PDB file of N, CA and C in Angstrom:
ATOM      1  N   TRP A   1     -11.698 -25.230   0.975  1.00  0.00           N
ATOM      2  CA  TRP A   1     -11.326 -24.309   2.021  1.00  0.00           C
ATOM      3  C   TRP A   1     -10.519 -24.999   3.106  1.00  0.00           C
ATOM      4  N   GLU A   2     -10.849 -26.241   3.387  1.00  0.00           N
ATOM      5  CA  GLU A   2     -10.104 -26.964   4.431  1.00  0.00           C
ATOM      6  C   GLU A   2      -8.639 -27.142   4.031  1.00  0.00           C
ATOM      7  N   ALA A   3      -8.377 -27.439   2.760  1.00  0.00           N
ATOM      8  CA  ALA A   3      -6.996 -27.579   2.290  1.00  0.00           C
ATOM      9  C   ALA A   3      -6.241 -26.258   2.436  1.00  0.00           C
ATOM     10  N   LEU A   4      -6.896 -25.147   2.138  1.00  0.00           N
ATOM     11  CA  LEU A   4      -6.271 -23.830   2.301  1.00  0.00           C
ATOM     12  C   LEU A   4      -5.975 -23.560   3.769  1.00  0.00           C
ATOM     13  N   ARG A   5      -6.906 -23.882   4.636  1.00  0.00           N
ATOM     14  CA  ARG A   5      -6.671 -23.696   6.083  1.00  0.00           C
ATOM     15  C   ARG A   5      -5.530 -24.581   6.570  1.00  0.00           C
ATOM     16  N   LEU A   6      -5.433 -25.810   6.044  1.00  0.00           N
ATOM     17  CA  LEU A   6      -4.333 -26.698   6.431  1.00  0.00           C
ATOM     18  C   LEU A   6      -2.988 -26.098   6.057  1.00  0.00           C
ATOM     19  N   ALA A   7      -2.931 -25.446   4.909  1.00  0.00           N
ATOM     20  CA  ALA A   7      -1.673 -24.876   4.427  1.00  0.00           C
ATOM     21  C   ALA A   7      -1.341 -23.536   5.056  1.00  0.00           C
ATOM     22  N   THR A   8      -2.285 -22.893   5.692  1.00  0.00           N
ATOM     23  CA  THR A   8      -2.051 -21.554   6.233  1.00  0.00           C
ATOM     24  C   THR A   8      -2.203 -21.543   7.751  1.00  0.00           C
ATOM     25  N   VAL A   9      -3.381 -21.293   8.230  1.00  0.00           N
ATOM     26  CA  VAL A   9      -3.622 -21.141   9.673  1.00  0.00           C
ATOM     27  C   VAL A   9      -3.240 -22.399  10.452  1.00  0.00           C
ATOM     28  N   ASN A  10      -3.696 -23.556  10.007  1.00  0.00           N
ATOM     29  CA  ASN A  10      -3.389 -24.789  10.741  1.00  0.00           C
ATOM     30  C   ASN A  10      -1.924 -25.182  10.597  1.00  0.00           C
ATOM     31  N   GLY A  11      -1.311 -24.839   9.465  1.00  0.00           N
ATOM     32  CA  GLY A  11       0.125 -25.082   9.312  1.00  0.00           C
ATOM     33  C   GLY A  11       0.923 -24.261  10.307  1.00  0.00           C
ATOM     34  N   ALA A  12       0.513 -23.013  10.501  1.00  0.00           N
ATOM     35  CA  ALA A  12       1.182 -22.152  11.480  1.00  0.00           C
ATOM     36  C   ALA A  12       1.018 -22.708  12.889  1.00  0.00           C
ATOM     37  N   ARG A  13      -0.179 -23.165  13.187  1.00  0.00           N
ATOM     38  CA  ARG A  13      -0.431 -23.741  14.514  1.00  0.00           C
ATOM     39  C   ARG A  13       0.417 -24.995  14.728  1.00  0.00           C
ATOM     40  N   ALA A  14       0.548 -25.823  13.690  1.00  0.00           N
ATOM     41  CA  ALA A  14       1.358 -27.041  13.786  1.00  0.00           C
ATOM     42  C   ALA A  14       2.826 -26.716  14.041  1.00  0.00           C
ATOM     43  N   MET A  15       3.263 -25.525  13.584  1.00  0.00           N
ATOM     44  CA  MET A  15       4.653 -25.111  13.809  1.00  0.00           C
ATOM     45  C   MET A  15       4.828 -24.394  15.139  1.00  0.00           C
ATOM     46  N   GLY A  16       3.749 -24.301  15.924  1.00  0.00           N
ATOM     47  CA  GLY A  16       3.840 -23.723  17.258  1.00  0.00           C
ATOM     48  C   GLY A  16       3.564 -22.236  17.352  1.00  0.00           C
ATOM     49  N   TYR A  17       3.067 -21.618  16.293  1.00  0.00           N
ATOM     50  CA  TYR A  17       2.740 -20.196  16.338  1.00  0.00           C
ATOM     51  C   TYR A  17       1.361 -19.988  16.954  1.00  0.00           C
ATOM     52  N   ALA A  18       1.213 -18.888  17.673  1.00  0.00           N
ATOM     53  CA  ALA A  18      -0.066 -18.545  18.284  1.00  0.00           C
ATOM     54  C   ALA A  18      -1.066 -18.161  17.198  1.00  0.00           C
ATOM     55  N   GLU A  19      -2.346 -18.345  17.496  1.00  0.00           N
ATOM     56  CA  GLU A  19      -3.393 -17.990  16.537  1.00  0.00           C
ATOM     57  C   GLU A  19      -3.294 -16.518  16.176  1.00  0.00           C
ATOM     58  N   GLY A  20      -3.310 -16.228  14.883  1.00  0.00           N
ATOM     59  CA  GLY A  20      -3.230 -14.859  14.403  1.00  0.00           C
ATOM     60  C   GLY A  20      -1.830 -14.330  14.218  1.00  0.00           C
ATOM     61  N   GLU A  21      -0.817 -15.121  14.618  1.00  0.00           N
ATOM     62  CA  GLU A  21       0.571 -14.678  14.508  1.00  0.00           C
ATOM     63  C   GLU A  21       1.167 -14.993  13.133  1.00  0.00           C
ATOM     64  N   LEU A  22       0.712 -16.071  12.526  1.00  0.00           N
ATOM     65  CA  LEU A  22       1.238 -16.529  11.240  1.00  0.00           C
ATOM     66  C   LEU A  22       0.119 -17.259  10.507  1.00  0.00           C
ATOM     67  N   GLY A  23       0.157 -17.186   9.189  1.00  0.00           N
ATOM     68  CA  GLY A  23      -0.840 -17.911   8.401  1.00  0.00           C
ATOM     69  C   GLY A  23      -2.100 -17.133   8.129  1.00  0.00           C
ATOM     70  N   VAL A  24      -2.081 -15.850   8.473  1.00  0.00           N
ATOM     71  CA  VAL A  24      -3.219 -14.968   8.220  1.00  0.00           C
ATOM     72  C   VAL A  24      -2.678 -13.671   7.617  1.00  0.00           C
ATOM     73  N   VAL A  25      -3.544 -12.955   6.931  1.00  0.00           N
ATOM     74  CA  VAL A  25      -3.152 -11.658   6.387  1.00  0.00           C
ATOM     75  C   VAL A  25      -3.814 -10.592   7.249  1.00  0.00           C
ATOM     76  N   ARG A  26      -3.004  -9.984   8.092  1.00  0.00           N
ATOM     77  CA  ARG A  26      -3.482  -8.896   8.942  1.00  0.00           C
ATOM     78  C   ARG A  26      -2.286  -8.142   9.482  1.00  0.00           C
ATOM     79  N   GLU A  27      -2.488  -6.921   9.914  1.00  0.00           N
ATOM     80  CA  GLU A  27      -1.405  -6.077  10.416  1.00  0.00           C
ATOM     81  C   GLU A  27      -0.715  -6.746  11.597  1.00  0.00           C
ATOM     82  N   GLY A  28       0.610  -6.774  11.555  1.00  0.00           N
ATOM     83  CA  GLY A  28       1.401  -7.336  12.639  1.00  0.00           C
ATOM     84  C   GLY A  28       1.663  -8.820  12.530  1.00  0.00           C
ATOM     85  N   ALA A  29       0.976  -9.517  11.636  1.00  0.00           N
ATOM     86  CA  ALA A  29       1.184 -10.964  11.490  1.00  0.00           C
ATOM     87  C   ALA A  29       2.391 -11.221  10.602  1.00  0.00           C
ATOM     88  N   LEU A  30       3.036 -12.357  10.832  1.00  0.00           N
ATOM     89  CA  LEU A  30       4.122 -12.803   9.966  1.00  0.00           C
ATOM     90  C   LEU A  30       3.475 -13.423   8.739  1.00  0.00           C
ATOM     91  N   ALA A  31       3.518 -12.728   7.632  1.00  0.00           N
ATOM     92  CA  ALA A  31       2.796 -13.227   6.459  1.00  0.00           C
ATOM     93  C   ALA A  31       3.692 -13.249   5.233  1.00  0.00           C
ATOM     94  N   ASP A  32       3.634 -14.334   4.520  1.00  0.00           N
ATOM     95  CA  ASP A  32       4.228 -14.447   3.199  1.00  0.00           C
ATOM     96  C   ASP A  32       3.046 -14.479   2.236  1.00  0.00           C
ATOM     97  N   LEU A  33       3.183 -13.777   1.147  1.00  0.00           N
ATOM     98  CA  LEU A  33       2.091 -13.688   0.182  1.00  0.00           C
ATOM     99  C   LEU A  33       2.551 -14.162  -1.180  1.00  0.00           C
ATOM    100  N   ILE A  34       1.617 -14.713  -1.942  1.00  0.00           N
ATOM    101  CA  ILE A  34       1.902 -15.050  -3.328  1.00  0.00           C
ATOM    102  C   ILE A  34       0.846 -14.399  -4.207  1.00  0.00           C
ATOM    103  N   VAL A  35       1.251 -14.064  -5.420  1.00  0.00           N
ATOM    104  CA  VAL A  35       0.331 -13.586  -6.438  1.00  0.00           C
ATOM    105  C   VAL A  35       0.290 -14.671  -7.499  1.00  0.00           C
ATOM    106  N   VAL A  36      -0.907 -15.155  -7.779  1.00  0.00           N
ATOM    107  CA  VAL A  36      -1.091 -16.258  -8.719  1.00  0.00           C
ATOM    108  C   VAL A  36      -1.722 -15.740  -9.996  1.00  0.00           C
ATOM    109  N   ASP A  37      -1.175 -16.167 -11.123  1.00  0.00           N
ATOM    110  CA  ASP A  37      -1.730 -15.820 -12.429  1.00  0.00           C
ATOM    111  C   ASP A  37      -2.861 -16.796 -12.736  1.00  0.00           C
ATOM    112  N   LEU A  38      -4.088 -16.321 -12.632  1.00  0.00           N
ATOM    113  CA  LEU A  38      -5.257 -17.181 -12.868  1.00  0.00           C
ATOM    114  C   LEU A  38      -5.620 -17.282 -14.341  1.00  0.00           C
ATOM    115  N   GLN A  39      -4.925 -16.538 -15.187  1.00  0.00           N
ATOM    116  CA  GLN A  39      -5.237 -16.538 -16.617  1.00  0.00           C
ATOM    117  C   GLN A  39      -4.511 -17.677 -17.330  1.00  0.00           C
ATOM    118  N   LYS A  40      -4.824 -18.882 -16.908  1.00  0.00           N
ATOM    119  CA  LYS A  40      -4.256 -20.097 -17.489  1.00  0.00           C
ATOM    120  C   LYS A  40      -5.411 -21.035 -17.817  1.00  0.00           C
ATOM    121  N   PRO A  41      -5.308 -21.775 -18.910  1.00  0.00           N
ATOM    122  CA  PRO A  41      -6.409 -22.663 -19.297  1.00  0.00           C
ATOM    123  C   PRO A  41      -6.821 -23.659 -18.207  1.00  0.00           C
ATOM    124  N   HIS A  42      -5.833 -24.195 -17.478  1.00  0.00           N
ATOM    125  CA  HIS A  42      -6.170 -25.199 -16.454  1.00  0.00           C
ATOM    126  C   HIS A  42      -6.838 -24.597 -15.219  1.00  0.00           C
ATOM    127  N   LEU A  43      -6.870 -23.273 -15.129  1.00  0.00           N
ATOM    128  CA  LEU A  43      -7.530 -22.615 -13.992  1.00  0.00           C
ATOM    129  C   LEU A  43      -8.851 -21.960 -14.394  1.00  0.00           C
ATOM    130  N   GLN A  44      -9.327 -22.252 -15.565  1.00  0.00           N
ATOM    131  CA  GLN A  44     -10.570 -21.655 -16.071  1.00  0.00           C
ATOM    132  C   GLN A  44     -11.675 -22.690 -16.145  1.00  0.00           C
ATOM    133  N   PRO A  45     -12.925 -22.326 -15.976  1.00  0.00           N
ATOM    134  CA  PRO A  45     -13.376 -21.017 -15.521  1.00  0.00           C
ATOM    135  C   PRO A  45     -13.158 -20.881 -14.020  1.00  0.00           C
ATOM    136  N   VAL A  46     -13.051 -19.662 -13.559  1.00  0.00           N
ATOM    137  CA  VAL A  46     -12.856 -19.414 -12.131  1.00  0.00           C
ATOM    138  C   VAL A  46     -14.227 -19.237 -11.482  1.00  0.00           C
ATOM    139  N   ASN A  47     -14.767 -20.333 -10.999  1.00  0.00           N
ATOM    140  CA  ASN A  47     -16.034 -20.290 -10.265  1.00  0.00           C
ATOM    141  C   ASN A  47     -15.777 -20.145  -8.776  1.00  0.00           C
ATOM    142  N   ASP A  48     -14.729 -20.811  -8.291  1.00  0.00           N
ATOM    143  CA  ASP A  48     -14.345 -20.771  -6.883  1.00  0.00           C
ATOM    144  C   ASP A  48     -12.825 -20.752  -6.862  1.00  0.00           C
ATOM    145  N   VAL A  49     -12.240 -19.593  -6.607  1.00  0.00           N
ATOM    146  CA  VAL A  49     -10.793 -19.434  -6.723  1.00  0.00           C
ATOM    147  C   VAL A  49     -10.040 -20.393  -5.806  1.00  0.00           C
ATOM    148  N   VAL A  50     -10.530 -20.634  -4.603  1.00  0.00           N
ATOM    149  CA  VAL A  50      -9.840 -21.546  -3.685  1.00  0.00           C
ATOM    150  C   VAL A  50      -9.849 -22.963  -4.245  1.00  0.00           C
ATOM    151  N   SER A  51     -10.983 -23.427  -4.725  1.00  0.00           N
ATOM    152  CA  SER A  51     -11.048 -24.772  -5.310  1.00  0.00           C
ATOM    153  C   SER A  51     -10.149 -24.873  -6.539  1.00  0.00           C
ATOM    154  N   ASN A  52     -10.162 -23.852  -7.371  1.00  0.00           N
ATOM    155  CA  ASN A  52      -9.302 -23.865  -8.555  1.00  0.00           C
ATOM    156  C   ASN A  52      -7.835 -24.000  -8.156  1.00  0.00           C
ATOM    157  N   LEU A  53      -7.408 -23.238  -7.166  1.00  0.00           N
ATOM    158  CA  LEU A  53      -6.007 -23.299  -6.744  1.00  0.00           C
ATOM    159  C   LEU A  53      -5.658 -24.640  -6.121  1.00  0.00           C
ATOM    160  N   VAL A  54      -6.527 -25.147  -5.268  1.00  0.00           N
ATOM    161  CA  VAL A  54      -6.254 -26.407  -4.570  1.00  0.00           C
ATOM    162  C   VAL A  54      -6.227 -27.582  -5.536  1.00  0.00           C
ATOM    163  N   TYR A  55      -7.187 -27.653  -6.431  1.00  0.00           N
ATOM    164  CA  TYR A  55      -7.310 -28.820  -7.299  1.00  0.00           C
ATOM    165  C   TYR A  55      -6.561 -28.698  -8.617  1.00  0.00           C
ATOM    166  N   CYS A  56      -6.328 -27.485  -9.097  1.00  0.00           N
ATOM    167  CA  CYS A  56      -5.755 -27.313 -10.435  1.00  0.00           C
ATOM    168  C   CYS A  56      -4.467 -26.500 -10.455  1.00  0.00           C
ATOM    169  N   GLY A  57      -4.150 -25.817  -9.372  1.00  0.00           N
ATOM    170  CA  GLY A  57      -2.996 -24.925  -9.356  1.00  0.00           C
ATOM    171  C   GLY A  57      -1.673 -25.664  -9.427  1.00  0.00           C
ATOM    172  N   LYS A  58      -0.696 -24.977 -10.015  1.00  0.00           N
ATOM    173  CA  LYS A  58       0.665 -25.502 -10.148  1.00  0.00           C
ATOM    174  C   LYS A  58       1.639 -24.448  -9.637  1.00  0.00           C
ATOM    175  N   ALA A  59       2.825 -24.878  -9.266  1.00  0.00           N
ATOM    176  CA  ALA A  59       3.841 -23.929  -8.817  1.00  0.00           C
ATOM    177  C   ALA A  59       4.131 -22.895  -9.896  1.00  0.00           C
ATOM    178  N   SER A  60       4.057 -23.285 -11.144  1.00  0.00           N
ATOM    179  CA  SER A  60       4.354 -22.358 -12.238  1.00  0.00           C
ATOM    180  C   SER A  60       3.296 -21.269 -12.390  1.00  0.00           C
ATOM    181  N   ASP A  61       2.189 -21.367 -11.681  1.00  0.00           N
ATOM    182  CA  ASP A  61       1.163 -20.330 -11.711  1.00  0.00           C
ATOM    183  C   ASP A  61       1.520 -19.147 -10.816  1.00  0.00           C
ATOM    184  N   VAL A  62       2.496 -19.328  -9.930  1.00  0.00           N
ATOM    185  CA  VAL A  62       2.886 -18.262  -9.005  1.00  0.00           C
ATOM    186  C   VAL A  62       3.739 -17.241  -9.758  1.00  0.00           C
ATOM    187  N   ASP A  63       3.289 -15.993  -9.740  1.00  0.00           N
ATOM    188  CA  ASP A  63       3.989 -14.914 -10.439  1.00  0.00           C
ATOM    189  C   ASP A  63       4.907 -14.139  -9.498  1.00  0.00           C
ATOM    190  N   THR A  64       4.435 -13.858  -8.294  1.00  0.00           N
ATOM    191  CA  THR A  64       5.161 -13.009  -7.350  1.00  0.00           C
ATOM    192  C   THR A  64       5.091 -13.617  -5.959  1.00  0.00           C
ATOM    193  N   VAL A  65       6.194 -13.514  -5.222  1.00  0.00           N
ATOM    194  CA  VAL A  65       6.253 -13.998  -3.839  1.00  0.00           C
ATOM    195  C   VAL A  65       6.825 -12.889  -2.968  1.00  0.00           C
ATOM    196  N   VAL A  66       6.125 -12.596  -1.874  1.00  0.00           N
ATOM    197  CA  VAL A  66       6.577 -11.593  -0.908  1.00  0.00           C
ATOM    198  C   VAL A  66       6.809 -12.319   0.416  1.00  0.00           C
ATOM    199  N   VAL A  67       8.022 -12.178   0.957  1.00  0.00           N
ATOM    200  CA  VAL A  67       8.378 -12.808   2.231  1.00  0.00           C
ATOM    201  C   VAL A  67       8.835 -11.716   3.185  1.00  0.00           C
ATOM    202  N   ASP A  68       8.163 -11.629   4.312  1.00  0.00           N
ATOM    203  CA  ASP A  68       8.507 -10.642   5.339  1.00  0.00           C
ATOM    204  C   ASP A  68       8.597  -9.231   4.747  1.00  0.00           C
ATOM    205  N   GLY A  69       7.671  -8.903   3.830  1.00  0.00           N
ATOM    206  CA  GLY A  69       7.622  -7.580   3.239  1.00  0.00           C
ATOM    207  C   GLY A  69       8.585  -7.347   2.085  1.00  0.00           C
ATOM    208  N   ARG A  70       9.394  -8.346   1.730  1.00  0.00           N
ATOM    209  CA  ARG A  70      10.346  -8.211   0.629  1.00  0.00           C
ATOM    210  C   ARG A  70       9.887  -9.044  -0.556  1.00  0.00           C
ATOM    211  N   ILE A  71       9.950  -8.475  -1.751  1.00  0.00           N
ATOM    212  CA  ILE A  71       9.623  -9.234  -2.956  1.00  0.00           C
ATOM    213  C   ILE A  71      10.820 -10.121  -3.282  1.00  0.00           C
ATOM    214  N   VAL A  72      10.611 -11.426  -3.233  1.00  0.00           N
ATOM    215  CA  VAL A  72      11.701 -12.365  -3.516  1.00  0.00           C
ATOM    216  C   VAL A  72      11.549 -13.040  -4.875  1.00  0.00           C
ATOM    217  N   VAL A  73      10.349 -13.025  -5.426  1.00  0.00           N
ATOM    218  CA  VAL A  73      10.103 -13.497  -6.785  1.00  0.00           C
ATOM    219  C   VAL A  73       9.172 -12.479  -7.431  1.00  0.00           C
ATOM    220  N   GLU A  74       9.556 -12.018  -8.622  1.00  0.00           N
ATOM    221  CA  GLU A  74       8.709 -11.073  -9.345  1.00  0.00           C
ATOM    222  C   GLU A  74       8.726 -11.448 -10.816  1.00  0.00           C
ATOM    223  N   ASN A  75       7.541 -11.533 -11.409  1.00  0.00           N
ATOM    224  CA  ASN A  75       7.413 -11.988 -12.799  1.00  0.00           C
ATOM    225  C   ASN A  75       8.095 -13.339 -12.997  1.00  0.00           C
ATOM    226  N   ARG A  76       7.957 -14.215 -11.996  1.00  0.00           N
ATOM    227  CA  ARG A  76       8.517 -15.575 -12.006  1.00  0.00           C
ATOM    228  C   ARG A  76      10.044 -15.607 -12.027  1.00  0.00           C
ATOM    229  N   CYS A  77      10.695 -14.505 -11.638  1.00  0.00           N
ATOM    230  CA  CYS A  77      12.157 -14.440 -11.561  1.00  0.00           C
ATOM    231  C   CYS A  77      12.560 -14.237 -10.106  1.00  0.00           C
ATOM    232  N   VAL A  78      13.528 -15.034  -9.651  1.00  0.00           N
ATOM    233  CA  VAL A  78      13.994 -14.925  -8.273  1.00  0.00           C
ATOM    234  C   VAL A  78      14.891 -13.696  -8.164  1.00  0.00           C
ATOM    235  N   ALA A  79      14.543 -12.799  -7.259  1.00  0.00           N
ATOM    236  CA  ALA A  79      15.295 -11.554  -7.088  1.00  0.00           C
ATOM    237  C   ALA A  79      16.704 -11.837  -6.584  1.00  0.00           C
ATOM    238  N   GLY A  80      17.677 -11.162  -7.175  1.00  0.00           N
ATOM    239  CA  GLY A  80      19.052 -11.253  -6.702  1.00  0.00           C
ATOM    240  C   GLY A  80      19.769 -12.536  -7.061  1.00  0.00           C
ATOM    241  N   VAL A  81      19.215 -13.345  -7.943  1.00  0.00           N
ATOM    242  CA  VAL A  81      19.866 -14.589  -8.330  1.00  0.00           C
ATOM    243  C   VAL A  81      20.314 -14.483  -9.784  1.00  0.00           C
ATOM    244  N   ASP A  82      21.607 -14.664 -10.006  1.00  0.00           N
ATOM    245  CA  ASP A  82      22.160 -14.674 -11.357  1.00  0.00           C
ATOM    246  C   ASP A  82      22.035 -16.108 -11.870  1.00  0.00           C
ATOM    247  N   LEU A  83      20.962 -16.380 -12.612  1.00  0.00           N
ATOM    248  CA  LEU A  83      20.690 -17.756 -13.044  1.00  0.00           C
ATOM    249  C   LEU A  83      21.809 -18.361 -13.887  1.00  0.00           C
ATOM    250  N   PRO A  84      22.389 -17.650 -14.856  1.00  0.00           N
ATOM    251  CA  PRO A  84      23.495 -18.263 -15.598  1.00  0.00           C
ATOM    252  C   PRO A  84      24.660 -18.672 -14.691  1.00  0.00           C
ATOM    253  N   ALA A  85      24.992 -17.837 -13.718  1.00  0.00           N
ATOM    254  CA  ALA A  85      26.075 -18.184 -12.787  1.00  0.00           C
ATOM    255  C   ALA A  85      25.679 -19.375 -11.915  1.00  0.00           C
ATOM    256  N   LEU A  86      24.418 -19.409 -11.497  1.00  0.00           N
ATOM    257  CA  LEU A  86      23.934 -20.538 -10.710  1.00  0.00           C
ATOM    258  C   LEU A  86      24.016 -21.835 -11.506  1.00  0.00           C
ATOM    259  N   TYR A  87      23.549 -21.792 -12.756  1.00  0.00           N
ATOM    260  CA  TYR A  87      23.600 -22.983 -13.604  1.00  0.00           C
ATOM    261  C   TYR A  87      25.038 -23.447 -13.813  1.00  0.00           C
ATOM    262  N   ALA A  88      25.960 -22.502 -14.024  1.00  0.00           N
ATOM    263  CA  ALA A  88      27.366 -22.851 -14.226  1.00  0.00           C
ATOM    264  C   ALA A  88      27.941 -23.503 -12.968  1.00  0.00           C
ATOM    265  N   GLY A  89      27.586 -22.957 -11.809  1.00  0.00           N
ATOM    266  CA  GLY A  89      28.063 -23.535 -10.553  1.00  0.00           C
ATOM    267  C   GLY A  89      27.535 -24.940 -10.321  1.00  0.00           C
ATOM    268  N   VAL A  90      26.281 -25.151 -10.648  1.00  0.00           N
ATOM    269  CA  VAL A  90      25.682 -26.482 -10.504  1.00  0.00           C
ATOM    270  C   VAL A  90      26.346 -27.464 -11.467  1.00  0.00           C
ATOM    271  N   ALA A  91      26.570 -27.039 -12.703  1.00  0.00           N
ATOM    272  CA  ALA A  91      27.233 -27.912 -13.678  1.00  0.00           C
ATOM    273  C   ALA A  91      28.636 -28.277 -13.217  1.00  0.00           C
ATOM    274  N   ALA A  92      29.354 -27.320 -12.652  1.00  0.00           N
ATOM    275  CA  ALA A  92      30.701 -27.591 -12.139  1.00  0.00           C
ATOM    276  C   ALA A  92      30.649 -28.575 -10.974  1.00  0.00           C
ATOM    277  N   ALA A  93      29.659 -28.419 -10.094  1.00  0.00           N
ATOM    278  CA  ALA A  93      29.522 -29.340  -8.962  1.00  0.00           C
ATOM    279  C   ALA A  93      29.217 -30.743  -9.443  1.00  0.00           C
ATOM    280  N   VAL A  94      28.347 -30.868 -10.426  1.00  0.00           N
ATOM    281  CA  VAL A  94      28.029 -32.181 -10.986  1.00  0.00           C
ATOM    282  C   VAL A  94      29.268 -32.815 -11.599  1.00  0.00           C
ATOM    283  N   ALA A  95      30.040 -32.036 -12.310  1.00  0.00           N
ATOM    284  CA  ALA A  95      31.283 -32.548 -12.927  1.00  0.00           C
ATOM    285  C   ALA A  95      32.240 -33.055 -11.847  1.00  0.00           C
ATOM    286  N   ARG A  96      32.363 -32.294 -10.733  1.00  0.00           N
ATOM    287  CA  ARG A  96      33.242 -32.744  -9.635  1.00  0.00           C
ATOM    288  C   ARG A  96      32.729 -34.045  -9.022  1.00  0.00           C
ATOM    289  N   ILE A  97      31.424 -34.147  -8.835  1.00  0.00           N
ATOM    290  CA  ILE A  97      30.845 -35.360  -8.246  1.00  0.00           C
ATOM    291  C   ILE A  97      31.088 -36.548  -9.164  1.00  0.00           C
ATOM    292  N   LYS A  98      30.866 -36.359 -10.452  1.00  0.00           N
ATOM    293  CA  LYS A  98      31.088 -37.446 -11.415  1.00  0.00           C
ATOM    294  C   LYS A  98      32.544 -37.848 -11.458  1.00  0.00           C
ATOM    295  N   ALA A  99      33.447 -36.887 -11.246  1.00  0.00           N
ATOM    296  CA  ALA A  99      34.880 -37.180 -11.279  1.00  0.00           C
ATOM    297  C   ALA A  99      35.359 -37.789  -9.965  1.00  0.00           C
ATOM    298  N   GLY A 100      34.476 -37.842  -8.976  1.00  0.00           N
ATOM    299  CA  GLY A 100      34.825 -38.444  -7.683  1.00  0.00           C
ATOM    300  C   GLY A 100      35.635 -37.539  -6.782  1.00  0.00           C
ATOM    301  N   ARG A 101      35.537 -36.241  -6.993  1.00  0.00           N
ATOM    302  CA  ARG A 101      36.284 -35.303  -6.132  1.00  0.00           C
ATOM    303  C   ARG A 101      35.416 -34.687  -5.102  1.00  0.00           C
TER     304      ARG A 101
END
């Protein structure tokens, strides 16, 4: 639980937010939410969900991300991002860097 508090409420406080303004789930708070797929072998059995997430969770377990009320990741896909175009752009940038341009 302490690790979860460090990442949420205490993280918000460290960034200068007032108590209850960020890092909590409540009406009016600035909250980002994640939905985690717990149906993974490394997260079983689920005796204590917080301990499972802190000690065994991976970024790849996150299925959905909501930021400021907008879904930005759904079914592990980033909304509004054309991955093939992104990959092509990155490959082109790498080629330019290797060519010294």
